[in-house]
PDB file of N, CA and C in Angstrom:
ATOM      1  N   MET A   1       0.888  -0.749   0.133  1.00  0.00           N
ATOM      2  CA  MET A   1      -0.379   0.173  -0.321  1.00  0.00           C
ATOM      3  C   MET A   1       0.801   1.180  -0.451  1.00  0.00           C
ATOM      4  N   GLN A   2       1.762   1.200   1.128  1.00  0.00           N
ATOM      5  CA  GLN A   2       2.724   2.288   1.161  1.00  0.00           C
ATOM      6  C   GLN A   2       2.889   2.947  -0.631  1.00  0.00           C
ATOM      7  N   GLY A   3       3.738   1.799  -1.368  1.00  0.00           N
ATOM      8  CA  GLY A   3       3.973   1.919  -3.317  1.00  0.00           C
ATOM      9  C   GLY A   3       2.943   2.625  -3.712  1.00  0.00           C
ATOM     10  N   LEU A   4       2.249   2.063  -3.383  1.00  0.00           N
ATOM     11  CA  LEU A   4       1.261   2.751  -4.284  1.00  0.00           C
ATOM     12  C   LEU A   4       0.977   4.478  -4.109  1.00  0.00           C
ATOM     13  N   LEU A   5       0.547   4.696  -2.750  1.00  0.00           N
ATOM     14  CA  LEU A   5       0.440   5.698  -1.889  1.00  0.00           C
ATOM     15  C   LEU A   5       1.507   6.656  -2.338  1.00  0.00           C
ATOM     16  N   GLU A   6       3.379   6.025  -2.744  1.00  0.00           N
ATOM     17  CA  GLU A   6       4.287   6.746  -3.161  1.00  0.00           C
ATOM     18  C   GLU A   6       4.109   6.759  -4.664  1.00  0.00           C
ATOM     19  N   GLU A   7       3.702   6.080  -5.585  1.00  0.00           N
ATOM     20  CA  GLU A   7       3.136   6.490  -6.615  1.00  0.00           C
ATOM     21  C   GLU A   7       2.445   7.543  -6.853  1.00  0.00           C
ATOM     22  N   GLY A   8       1.217   7.609  -6.482  1.00  0.00           N
ATOM     23  CA  GLY A   8       0.851   8.759  -6.343  1.00  0.00           C
ATOM     24  C   GLY A   8       1.305  10.301  -6.124  1.00  0.00           C
ATOM     25  N   GLU A   9       2.394   9.976  -4.911  1.00  0.00           N
ATOM     26  CA  GLU A   9       3.151  11.257  -4.739  1.00  0.00           C
ATOM     27  C   GLU A   9       3.590  11.723  -6.270  1.00  0.00           C
ATOM     28  N   ASP A  10       4.733  10.453  -6.657  1.00  0.00           N
ATOM     29  CA  ASP A  10       5.417  10.759  -7.498  1.00  0.00           C
ATOM     30  C   ASP A  10       4.511  11.406  -8.762  1.00  0.00           C
ATOM     31  N   ILE A  11       3.441  10.829  -9.251  1.00  0.00           N
ATOM     32  CA  ILE A  11       2.522  11.273 -10.340  1.00  0.00           C
ATOM     33  C   ILE A  11       2.716  12.960  -9.962  1.00  0.00           C
ATOM     34  N   ILE A  12       1.982  13.327  -8.287  1.00  0.00           N
ATOM     35  CA  ILE A  12       1.695  14.723  -8.020  1.00  0.00           C
ATOM     36  C   ILE A  12       3.137  15.446  -8.476  1.00  0.00           C
ATOM     37  N   SER A  13       4.431  15.232  -7.817  1.00  0.00           N
ATOM     38  CA  SER A  13       6.036  15.897  -8.115  1.00  0.00           C
ATOM     39  C   SER A  13       6.242  15.706  -9.458  1.00  0.00           C
ATOM     40  N   GLU A  14       6.176  14.888 -10.274  1.00  0.00           N
ATOM     41  CA  GLU A  14       7.357  14.779 -11.696  1.00  0.00           C
ATOM     42  C   GLU A  14       5.995  15.572 -12.886  1.00  0.00           C
ATOM     43  N   PHE A  15       4.680  15.566 -12.618  1.00  0.00           N
ATOM     44  CA  PHE A  15       4.353  16.027 -13.879  1.00  0.00           C
ATOM     45  C   PHE A  15       3.519  17.283 -13.621  1.00  0.00           C
ATOM     46  N   PRO A  16       3.450  18.340 -14.550  1.00  0.00           N
ATOM     47  CA  PRO A  16       2.220  19.751 -14.407  1.00  0.00           C
ATOM     48  C   PRO A  16       1.045  19.020 -14.882  1.00  0.00           C
ATOM     49  N   GLU A  17       0.562  20.070 -13.618  1.00  0.00           N
ATOM     50  CA  GLU A  17      -0.871  19.867 -13.984  1.00  0.00           C
ATOM     51  C   GLU A  17      -0.980  20.333 -15.206  1.00  0.00           C
ATOM     52  N   SER A  18      -2.273  19.073 -15.233  1.00  0.00           N
ATOM     53  CA  SER A  18      -2.863  18.511 -16.795  1.00  0.00           C
ATOM     54  C   SER A  18      -3.550  17.435 -16.826  1.00  0.00           C
ATOM     55  N   PRO A  19      -4.231  17.223 -17.574  1.00  0.00           N
ATOM     56  CA  PRO A  19      -5.259  15.956 -17.262  1.00  0.00           C
ATOM     57  C   PRO A  19      -4.809  14.796 -17.918  1.00  0.00           C
ATOM     58  N   ALA A  20      -3.788  15.206 -17.928  1.00  0.00           N
ATOM     59  CA  ALA A  20      -2.653  13.047 -18.205  1.00  0.00           C
ATOM     60  C   ALA A  20      -2.380  12.626 -16.751  1.00  0.00           C
ATOM     61  N   ARG A  21      -1.816  14.303 -16.364  1.00  0.00           N
ATOM     62  CA  ARG A  21      -1.769  13.783 -14.604  1.00  0.00           C
ATOM     63  C   ARG A  21      -3.077  13.672 -13.755  1.00  0.00           C
ATOM     64  N   ASP A  22      -3.998  14.004 -14.587  1.00  0.00           N
ATOM     65  CA  ASP A  22      -5.141  14.138 -13.884  1.00  0.00           C
ATOM     66  C   ASP A  22      -5.808  12.443 -13.693  1.00  0.00           C
ATOM     67  N   ALA A  23      -5.551  12.124 -15.092  1.00  0.00           N
ATOM     68  CA  ALA A  23      -6.109  11.079 -15.282  1.00  0.00           C
ATOM     69  C   ALA A  23      -5.147   9.598 -14.483  1.00  0.00           C
ATOM     70  N   ALA A  24      -3.789   9.938 -15.137  1.00  0.00           N
ATOM     71  CA  ALA A  24      -3.092   9.383 -13.925  1.00  0.00           C
ATOM     72  C   ALA A  24      -3.135   8.819 -12.649  1.00  0.00           C
ATOM     73  N   LEU A  25      -3.759   9.926 -12.235  1.00  0.00           N
ATOM     74  CA  LEU A  25      -3.801   9.873 -10.373  1.00  0.00           C
ATOM     75  C   LEU A  25      -5.168   8.930  -9.910  1.00  0.00           C
ATOM     76  N   ILE A  26      -5.663   9.400 -10.790  1.00  0.00           N
ATOM     77  CA  ILE A  26      -7.244   8.632 -11.007  1.00  0.00           C
ATOM     78  C   ILE A  26      -6.650   6.906 -10.730  1.00  0.00           C
ATOM     79  N   ALA A  27      -5.922   6.665 -11.676  1.00  0.00           N
ATOM     80  CA  ALA A  27      -5.354   5.258 -12.407  1.00  0.00           C
ATOM     81  C   ALA A  27      -4.713   4.567 -10.753  1.00  0.00           C
ATOM     82  N   ALA A  28      -3.899   5.659 -10.499  1.00  0.00           N
ATOM     83  CA  ALA A  28      -3.416   5.441  -8.884  1.00  0.00           C
ATOM     84  C   ALA A  28      -4.198   5.296  -7.754  1.00  0.00           C
ATOM     85  N   ALA A  29      -5.364   6.059  -7.689  1.00  0.00           N
ATOM     86  CA  ALA A  29      -6.135   6.222  -6.384  1.00  0.00           C
ATOM     87  C   ALA A  29      -7.056   5.086  -7.156  1.00  0.00           C
ATOM     88  N   GLN A  30      -7.400   4.082  -7.964  1.00  0.00           N
ATOM     89  CA  GLN A  30      -7.980   2.971  -8.209  1.00  0.00           C
ATOM     90  C   GLN A  30      -7.524   2.081  -7.979  1.00  0.00           C
ATOM     91  N   LYS A  31      -5.571   1.686  -8.344  1.00  0.00           N
ATOM     92  CA  LYS A  31      -4.828   0.701  -7.644  1.00  0.00           C
ATOM     93  C   LYS A  31      -5.561   0.904  -6.338  1.00  0.00           C
ATOM     94  N   VAL A  32      -5.085   1.744  -5.545  1.00  0.00           N
ATOM     95  CA  VAL A  32      -5.465   1.563  -3.912  1.00  0.00           C
ATOM     96  C   VAL A  32      -6.906   0.886  -3.636  1.00  0.00           C
ATOM     97  N   GLU A  33      -8.018   1.616  -3.991  1.00  0.00           N
ATOM     98  CA  GLU A  33      -9.506   0.933  -3.854  1.00  0.00           C
ATOM     99  C   GLU A  33      -9.556  -0.498  -4.557  1.00  0.00           C
ATOM    100  N   HIS A  34      -8.375  -1.075  -5.897  1.00  0.00           N
ATOM    101  CA  HIS A  34      -8.372  -2.379  -5.930  1.00  0.00           C
ATOM    102  C   HIS A  34      -7.884  -3.234  -4.363  1.00  0.00           C
ATOM    103  N   TYR A  35      -6.972  -2.326  -4.312  1.00  0.00           N
ATOM    104  CA  TYR A  35      -5.666  -3.281  -3.171  1.00  0.00           C
ATOM    105  C   TYR A  35      -7.300  -3.369  -1.233  1.00  0.00           C
ATOM    106  N   GLU A  36      -8.120  -1.932  -1.304  1.00  0.00           N
ATOM    107  CA  GLU A  36      -8.832  -2.734  -0.435  1.00  0.00           C
ATOM    108  C   GLU A  36      -9.961  -3.479  -1.028  1.00  0.00           C
ATOM    109  N   MET A  37     -10.579  -3.207  -1.644  1.00  0.00           N
ATOM    110  CA  MET A  37     -11.202  -4.007  -2.104  1.00  0.00           C
ATOM    111  C   MET A  37     -11.184  -5.782  -2.036  1.00  0.00           C
ATOM    112  N   ALA A  38      -9.504  -5.638  -2.335  1.00  0.00           N
ATOM    113  CA  ALA A  38      -9.364  -7.618  -2.222  1.00  0.00           C
ATOM    114  C   ALA A  38      -9.472  -7.707  -0.449  1.00  0.00           C
ATOM    115  N   ALA A  39      -8.798  -6.994   0.353  1.00  0.00           N
ATOM    116  CA  ALA A  39      -8.289  -7.031   1.867  1.00  0.00           C
ATOM    117  C   ALA A  39      -9.895  -6.966   2.391  1.00  0.00           C
ATOM    118  N   TYR A  40     -10.637  -5.989   1.977  1.00  0.00           N
ATOM    119  CA  TYR A  40     -11.659  -6.254   2.900  1.00  0.00           C
ATOM    120  C   TYR A  40     -13.123  -7.544   2.025  1.00  0.00           C
ATOM    121  N   GLY A  41     -12.889  -7.956   1.170  1.00  0.00           N
ATOM    122  CA  GLY A  41     -13.667  -9.462   0.111  1.00  0.00           C
ATOM    123  C   GLY A  41     -13.136 -10.218   1.334  1.00  0.00           C
ATOM    124  N   SER A  42     -11.679 -10.346   1.279  1.00  0.00           N
ATOM    125  CA  SER A  42     -10.836 -11.261   2.010  1.00  0.00           C
ATOM    126  C   SER A  42     -11.495 -11.498   3.145  1.00  0.00           C
ATOM    127  N   ALA A  43     -11.420 -10.549   4.020  1.00  0.00           N
ATOM    128  CA  ALA A  43     -11.807 -10.597   5.570  1.00  0.00           C
ATOM    129  C   ALA A  43     -13.070 -10.922   6.146  1.00  0.00           C
ATOM    130  N   ARG A  44     -13.650 -10.401   4.577  1.00  0.00           N
ATOM    131  CA  ARG A  44     -15.539 -10.768   4.745  1.00  0.00           C
ATOM    132  C   ARG A  44     -15.319 -12.252   4.354  1.00  0.00           C
ATOM    133  N   THR A  45     -14.923 -12.714   3.692  1.00  0.00           N
ATOM    134  CA  THR A  45     -15.014 -14.169   3.641  1.00  0.00           C
ATOM    135  C   THR A  45     -14.400 -15.105   4.659  1.00  0.00           C
ATOM    136  N   PHE A  46     -13.359 -14.644   5.252  1.00  0.00           N
ATOM    137  CA  PHE A  46     -12.916 -15.062   6.572  1.00  0.00           C
ATOM    138  C   PHE A  46     -13.393 -15.053   8.145  1.00  0.00           C
ATOM    139  N   ALA A  47     -14.461 -14.056   8.084  1.00  0.00           N
ATOM    140  CA  ALA A  47     -15.327 -14.094   9.143  1.00  0.00           C
ATOM    141  C   ALA A  47     -16.734 -14.698   8.579  1.00  0.00           C
ATOM    142  N   LYS A  48     -16.817 -14.653   7.680  1.00  0.00           N
ATOM    143  CA  LYS A  48     -18.159 -15.870   7.341  1.00  0.00           C
ATOM    144  C   LYS A  48     -18.086 -17.094   7.371  1.00  0.00           C
ATOM    145  N   ILE A  49     -16.849 -17.477   7.024  1.00  0.00           N
ATOM    146  CA  ILE A  49     -16.084 -18.925   7.499  1.00  0.00           C
ATOM    147  C   ILE A  49     -15.886 -19.295   9.118  1.00  0.00           C
ATOM    148  N   LEU A  50     -15.819 -17.944   9.976  1.00  0.00           N
ATOM    149  CA  LEU A  50     -15.294 -18.543  11.089  1.00  0.00           C
ATOM    150  C   LEU A  50     -16.693 -18.414  11.961  1.00  0.00           C
ATOM    151  N   GLY A  51     -17.696 -17.689  10.815  1.00  0.00           N
ATOM    152  CA  GLY A  51     -19.329 -17.415  11.216  1.00  0.00           C
ATOM    153  C   GLY A  51     -19.026 -16.196  12.468  1.00  0.00           C
ATOM    154  N   GLN A  52     -18.277 -15.353  11.541  1.00  0.00           N
ATOM    155  CA  GLN A  52     -18.507 -13.869  12.777  1.00  0.00           C
ATOM    156  C   GLN A  52     -19.546 -12.943  11.654  1.00  0.00           C
ATOM    157  N   ASP A  53     -20.933 -13.736  11.504  1.00  0.00           N
ATOM    158  CA  ASP A  53     -22.311 -13.031  10.798  1.00  0.00           C
ATOM    159  C   ASP A  53     -21.776 -11.325  11.134  1.00  0.00           C
ATOM    160  N   GLU A  54     -21.740 -10.304  11.693  1.00  0.00           N
ATOM    161  CA  GLU A  54     -22.043  -9.439  11.971  1.00  0.00           C
ATOM    162  C   GLU A  54     -20.483  -8.843  11.308  1.00  0.00           C
ATOM    163  N   ALA A  55     -19.508  -9.570  11.914  1.00  0.00           N
ATOM    164  CA  ALA A  55     -18.489  -8.756  10.903  1.00  0.00           C
ATOM    165  C   ALA A  55     -18.376  -8.821  10.109  1.00  0.00           C
ATOM    166  N   ALA A  56     -18.958 -10.059   9.068  1.00  0.00           N
ATOM    167  CA  ALA A  56     -18.652 -10.528   7.735  1.00  0.00           C
ATOM    168  C   ALA A  56     -20.247  -9.022   6.907  1.00  0.00           C
ATOM    169  N   GLU A  57     -21.190  -8.893   7.769  1.00  0.00           N
ATOM    170  CA  GLU A  57     -21.845  -7.903   7.314  1.00  0.00           C
ATOM    171  C   GLU A  57     -21.199  -6.177   6.836  1.00  0.00           C
ATOM    172  N   MET A  58     -20.499  -6.228   7.889  1.00  0.00           N
ATOM    173  CA  MET A  58     -20.578  -4.392   8.313  1.00  0.00           C
ATOM    174  C   MET A  58     -19.130  -4.737   7.458  1.00  0.00           C
ATOM    175  N   LEU A  59     -17.798  -6.007   6.950  1.00  0.00           N
ATOM    176  CA  LEU A  59     -17.221  -6.184   5.959  1.00  0.00           C
ATOM    177  C   LEU A  59     -17.749  -6.039   4.466  1.00  0.00           C
ATOM    178  N   GLU A  60     -18.986  -6.148   4.492  1.00  0.00           N
ATOM    179  CA  GLU A  60     -19.909  -6.612   3.192  1.00  0.00           C
ATOM    180  C   GLU A  60     -20.113  -4.804   2.739  1.00  0.00           C
ATOM    181  N   GLU A  61     -20.904  -4.091   4.048  1.00  0.00           N
ATOM    182  CA  GLU A  61     -21.067  -2.606   3.601  1.00  0.00           C
ATOM    183  C   GLU A  61     -19.738  -2.185   3.519  1.00  0.00           C
ATOM    184  N   THR A  62     -18.258  -2.388   3.893  1.00  0.00           N
ATOM    185  CA  THR A  62     -17.373  -1.471   3.704  1.00  0.00           C
ATOM    186  C   THR A  62     -17.043  -1.514   2.179  1.00  0.00           C
ATOM    187  N   LEU A  63     -16.929  -2.986   1.915  1.00  0.00           N
ATOM    188  CA  LEU A  63     -16.590  -3.344   0.361  1.00  0.00           C
ATOM    189  C   LEU A  63     -17.562  -2.906  -0.478  1.00  0.00           C
ATOM    190  N   GLU A  64     -18.676  -3.031  -0.349  1.00  0.00           N
ATOM    191  CA  GLU A  64     -19.551  -1.848  -1.059  1.00  0.00           C
ATOM    192  C   GLU A  64     -19.356  -1.107  -1.229  1.00  0.00           C
ATOM    193  N   GLU A  65     -18.812   0.257   0.104  1.00  0.00           N
ATOM    194  CA  GLU A  65     -18.496   1.544  -0.773  1.00  0.00           C
ATOM    195  C   GLU A  65     -17.082   1.415  -1.494  1.00  0.00           C
ATOM    196  N   GLU A  66     -16.514   0.933  -1.030  1.00  0.00           N
ATOM    197  CA  GLU A  66     -15.029   0.562  -1.684  1.00  0.00           C
ATOM    198  C   GLU A  66     -15.201   0.446  -3.441  1.00  0.00           C
ATOM    199  N   LYS A  67     -16.330  -0.712  -3.521  1.00  0.00           N
ATOM    200  CA  LYS A  67     -16.502  -0.786  -5.252  1.00  0.00           C
ATOM    201  C   LYS A  67     -17.637   0.799  -5.455  1.00  0.00           C
ATOM    202  N   ALA A  68     -18.256   1.115  -4.622  1.00  0.00           N
ATOM    203  CA  ALA A  68     -19.022   2.437  -5.183  1.00  0.00           C
ATOM    204  C   ALA A  68     -17.938   3.569  -5.452  1.00  0.00           C
ATOM    205  N   ALA A  69     -16.577   3.425  -4.355  1.00  0.00           N
ATOM    206  CA  ALA A  69     -15.689   4.891  -5.063  1.00  0.00           C
ATOM    207  C   ALA A  69     -14.931   4.414  -6.342  1.00  0.00           C
ATOM    208  N   ASP A  70     -14.623   3.264  -6.646  1.00  0.00           N
ATOM    209  CA  ASP A  70     -14.228   2.770  -7.459  1.00  0.00           C
ATOM    210  C   ASP A  70     -14.668   2.897  -8.985  1.00  0.00           C
ATOM    211  N   GLU A  71     -16.356   2.428  -8.692  1.00  0.00           N
ATOM    212  CA  GLU A  71     -16.767   2.792  -9.961  1.00  0.00           C
ATOM    213  C   GLU A  71     -17.068   4.704 -10.073  1.00  0.00           C
ATOM    214  N   LYS A  72     -16.968   5.610  -9.101  1.00  0.00           N
ATOM    215  CA  LYS A  72     -16.993   6.735 -10.006  1.00  0.00           C
ATOM    216  C   LYS A  72     -16.102   7.111 -10.211  1.00  0.00           C
ATOM    217  N   LEU A  73     -15.164   7.056  -9.580  1.00  0.00           N
ATOM    218  CA  LEU A  73     -13.705   7.022  -9.976  1.00  0.00           C
ATOM    219  C   LEU A  73     -13.120   7.093 -11.586  1.00  0.00           C
ATOM    220  N   THR A  74     -14.355   5.689 -12.379  1.00  0.00           N
ATOM    221  CA  THR A  74     -14.080   5.486 -13.499  1.00  0.00           C
ATOM    222  C   THR A  74     -15.333   5.701 -14.435  1.00  0.00           C
ATOM    223  N   GLU A  75     -16.120   5.997 -13.816  1.00  0.00           N
ATOM    224  CA  GLU A  75     -16.870   7.406 -14.431  1.00  0.00           C
ATOM    225  C   GLU A  75     -16.684   8.513 -14.424  1.00  0.00           C
ATOM    226  N   ILE A  76     -15.849   8.984 -14.026  1.00  0.00           N
ATOM    227  CA  ILE A  76     -15.259  10.652 -13.923  1.00  0.00           C
ATOM    228  C   ILE A  76     -14.070  10.433 -14.828  1.00  0.00           C
ATOM    229  N   ALA A  77     -12.926   9.092 -15.037  1.00  0.00           N
ATOM    230  CA  ALA A  77     -12.155   8.801 -15.950  1.00  0.00           C
ATOM    231  C   ALA A  77     -12.627   8.498 -16.684  1.00  0.00           C
ATOM    232  N   GLU A  78     -13.517   8.119 -17.293  1.00  0.00           N
ATOM    233  CA  GLU A  78     -13.809   7.813 -18.663  1.00  0.00           C
ATOM    234  C   GLU A  78     -15.217   8.938 -19.450  1.00  0.00           C
ATOM    235  N   SER A  79     -15.694   9.726 -18.533  1.00  0.00           N
ATOM    236  CA  SER A  79     -16.870  10.401 -19.358  1.00  0.00           C
ATOM    237  C   SER A  79     -16.052  11.870 -19.234  1.00  0.00           C
ATOM    238  N   VAL A  80     -14.300  12.312 -18.684  1.00  0.00           N
ATOM    239  CA  VAL A  80     -13.902  13.465 -18.622  1.00  0.00           C
ATOM    240  C   VAL A  80     -12.938  13.304 -18.814  1.00  0.00           C
ATOM    241  N   ILE A  81     -12.008  12.971 -17.242  1.00  0.00           N
ATOM    242  CA  ILE A  81     -11.012  13.554 -17.840  1.00  0.00           C
ATOM    243  C   ILE A  81      -9.803  12.588 -18.688  1.00  0.00           C
ATOM    244  N   ASN A  82      -9.884  11.219 -18.997  1.00  0.00           N
ATOM    245  CA  ASN A  82      -9.478  10.388 -20.275  1.00  0.00           C
ATOM    246  C   ASN A  82      -9.585  11.492 -21.171  1.00  0.00           C
ATOM    247  N   VAL A  83     -10.951  11.791 -21.621  1.00  0.00           N
ATOM    248  CA  VAL A  83     -11.244  12.598 -22.812  1.00  0.00           C
ATOM    249  C   VAL A  83     -10.172  14.214 -23.247  1.00  0.00           C
ATOM    250  N   GLU A  84     -10.024  14.599 -21.700  1.00  0.00           N
ATOM    251  CA  GLU A  84      -9.729  15.759 -22.036  1.00  0.00           C
ATOM    252  C   GLU A  84      -8.150  15.158 -21.847  1.00  0.00           C
ATOM    253  N   ALA A  85      -7.613  14.426 -21.602  1.00  0.00           N
ATOM    254  CA  ALA A  85      -6.217  13.931 -21.765  1.00  0.00           C
ATOM    255  C   ALA A  85      -5.875  13.567 -23.402  1.00  0.00           C
ATOM    256  N   ALA A  86      -6.881  12.748 -23.196  1.00  0.00           N
ATOM    257  CA  ALA A  86      -6.418  12.755 -25.432  1.00  0.00           C
ATOM    258  C   ALA A  86      -6.294  13.638 -26.212  1.00  0.00           C
ATOM    259  N   LYS A  87      -7.546  14.480 -25.484  1.00  0.00           N
ATOM    260  CA  LYS A  87      -7.238  15.433 -26.148  1.00  0.00           C
ATOM    261  C   LYS A  87      -6.274  16.259 -26.474  1.00  0.00           C
ATOM    262  N   SER A  88      -5.524  16.594 -25.249  1.00  0.00           N
ATOM    263  CA  SER A  88      -4.348  17.566 -24.840  1.00  0.00           C
ATOM    264  C   SER A  88      -2.721  16.988 -25.441  1.00  0.00           C
ATOM    265  N   GLN A  89      -2.963  15.868 -25.262  1.00  0.00           N
ATOM    266  CA  GLN A  89      -2.045  15.229 -26.031  1.00  0.00           C
ATOM    267  C   GLN A  89      -2.371  15.055 -27.325  1.00  0.00           C
ATOM    268  N   GLN A  90      -3.296  15.371 -27.963  1.00  0.00           N
ATOM    269  CA  GLN A  90      -3.385  14.709 -30.169  1.00  0.00           C
ATOM    270  C   GLN A  90      -3.159  16.269 -30.288  1.00  0.00           C
ATOM    271  N   GLU A  91      -3.357  17.506 -28.619  1.00  0.00           N
ATOM    272  CA  GLU A  91      -3.122  19.082 -29.389  1.00  0.00           C
ATOM    273  C   GLU A  91      -1.252  19.116 -29.374  1.00  0.00           C
ATOM    274  N   GLU A  92      -0.795  18.528 -28.051  1.00  0.00           N
ATOM    275  CA  GLU A  92       0.407  18.352 -28.173  1.00  0.00           C
ATOM    276  C   GLU A  92       1.758  17.973 -29.287  1.00  0.00           C
ATOM    277  N   GLN A  93       1.136  16.625 -29.786  1.00  0.00           N
ATOM    278  CA  GLN A  93       1.552  15.848 -30.796  1.00  0.00           C
ATOM    279  C   GLN A  93       2.160  16.559 -32.241  1.00  0.00           C
ATOM    280  N   PRO A  94       0.904  17.656 -32.885  1.00  0.00           N
ATOM    281  CA  PRO A  94       1.520  17.937 -33.910  1.00  0.00           C
ATOM    282  C   PRO A  94       2.841  18.605 -33.351  1.00  0.00           C
ATOM    283  N   ILE A  95       3.076  19.854 -32.369  1.00  0.00           N
ATOM    284  CA  ILE A  95       4.018  20.404 -32.076  1.00  0.00           C
ATOM    285  C   ILE A  95       5.169  19.957 -31.947  1.00  0.00           C
ATOM    286  N   ALA A  96       4.734  18.830 -31.544  1.00  0.00           N
ATOM    287  CA  ALA A  96       6.071  17.980 -31.289  1.00  0.00           C
ATOM    288  C   ALA A  96       6.684  17.288 -32.719  1.00  0.00           C
ATOM    289  N   LEU A  97       5.876  16.950 -33.689  1.00  0.00           N
ATOM    290  CA  LEU A  97       6.223  16.410 -34.935  1.00  0.00           C
ATOM    291  C   LEU A  97       6.793  17.614 -35.366  1.00  0.00           C
ATOM    292  N   SER A  98       6.432  18.713 -35.358  1.00  0.00           N
ATOM    293  CA  SER A  98       6.734  19.909 -36.320  1.00  0.00           C
ATOM    294  C   SER A  98       8.343  20.144 -35.669  1.00  0.00           C
ATOM    295  N   LYS A  99       8.520  20.298 -34.305  1.00  0.00           N
ATOM    296  CA  LYS A  99       9.785  20.486 -34.254  1.00  0.00           C
ATOM    297  C   LYS A  99      10.792  19.526 -33.893  1.00  0.00           C
ATOM    298  N   LYS A 100       9.866  18.007 -34.554  1.00  0.00           N
ATOM    299  CA  LYS A 100      11.363  17.209 -35.079  1.00  0.00           C
ATOM    300  C   LYS A 100      12.053  16.775 -36.343  1.00  0.00           C
ATOM    301  N   ARG A 101      10.018  17.305 -37.381  1.00  0.00           N
ATOM    302  CA  ARG A 101      10.981  17.773 -38.473  1.00  0.00           C
ATOM    303  C   ARG A 101      11.942  18.749 -39.031  1.00  0.00           C
ATOM    304  N   SER A 102      11.464  19.557 -38.105  1.00  0.00           N
ATOM    305  CA  SER A 102      12.254  20.856 -38.656  1.00  0.00           C
ATOM    306  C   SER A 102      13.945  20.937 -38.207  1.00  0.00           C
ATOM    307  N   GLY A 103      14.311  19.655 -37.116  1.00  0.00           N
ATOM    308  CA  GLY A 103      15.523  20.380 -36.347  1.00  0.00           C
ATOM    309  C   GLY A 103      15.206  20.597 -35.144  1.00  0.00           C
ATOM    310  N   GLY A 104      14.390  20.265 -34.081  1.00  0.00           N
ATOM    311  CA  GLY A 104      13.641  21.700 -33.035  1.00  0.00           C
ATOM    312  C   GLY A 104      13.939  23.284 -33.361  1.00  0.00           C
ATOM    313  N   ARG A 105      13.991  23.260 -34.495  1.00  0.00           N
ATOM    314  CA  ARG A 105      13.516  24.507 -34.841  1.00  0.00           C
ATOM    315  C   ARG A 105      12.268  25.217 -34.687  1.00  0.00           C
ATOM    316  N   GLN A 106      11.756  26.481 -34.797  1.00  0.00           N
ATOM    317  CA  GLN A 106      10.322  26.568 -34.586  1.00  0.00           C
ATOM    318  C   GLN A 106      10.158  27.175 -36.587  1.00  0.00           C
ATOM    319  N   ARG A 107       9.116  26.775 -36.847  1.00  0.00           N
ATOM    320  CA  ARG A 107       9.085  27.820 -38.154  1.00  0.00           C
ATOM    321  C   ARG A 107       8.085  28.674 -37.986  1.00  0.00           C
ATOM    322  N   ALA A 108       8.700  29.966 -39.193  1.00  0.00           N
ATOM    323  CA  ALA A 108       7.992  31.296 -38.755  1.00  0.00           C
ATOM    324  C   ALA A 108       7.098  31.512 -39.592  1.00  0.00           C
ATOM    325  N   ALA A 109       5.889  31.681 -38.537  1.00  0.00           N
ATOM    326  CA  ALA A 109       5.083  32.178 -39.707  1.00  0.00           C
ATOM    327  C   ALA A 109       4.094  32.941 -40.885  1.00  0.00           C
ATOM    328  N   GLY A 110       3.798  33.038 -41.765  1.00  0.00           N
ATOM    329  CA  GLY A 110       3.299  33.692 -42.762  1.00  0.00           C
ATOM    330  C   GLY A 110       5.126  33.337 -43.554  1.00  0.00           C
TER     331      GLY A 110
END
C-alpha cells in the first residue's frame, strides 16, 4: 500500500498540472481502491467461514463502499478526464512532430 501511495505522490511531483496527470492520479487511486477491495473481500470471507456474521456484514458494507468509490472514479475518468487527456495529447503531438521535422527549430509563420 505504501508503494501505491508513493506512486501517487511521484505523479504529483513529477508531472505538471494537466488532464494527463489527472488521469494518472485516478489510475493510482483506483489501484488503492482495488487493493482495499481485495483486503475487505478476503476479510469478509474469513469472517463468514468463522461464523462471524455481524463482522461479515460490516465488511460487506465497507466492500460495497469501496466498489462505489471505484465506480465513481471510473465514471469520472471515462466521461471527462481521459477524454481531456487524450485531447491535450493530440494538441501537443503536432507541435512535437513539427519540431522534430524542423530539427527542433520553430518555423516562422506567414
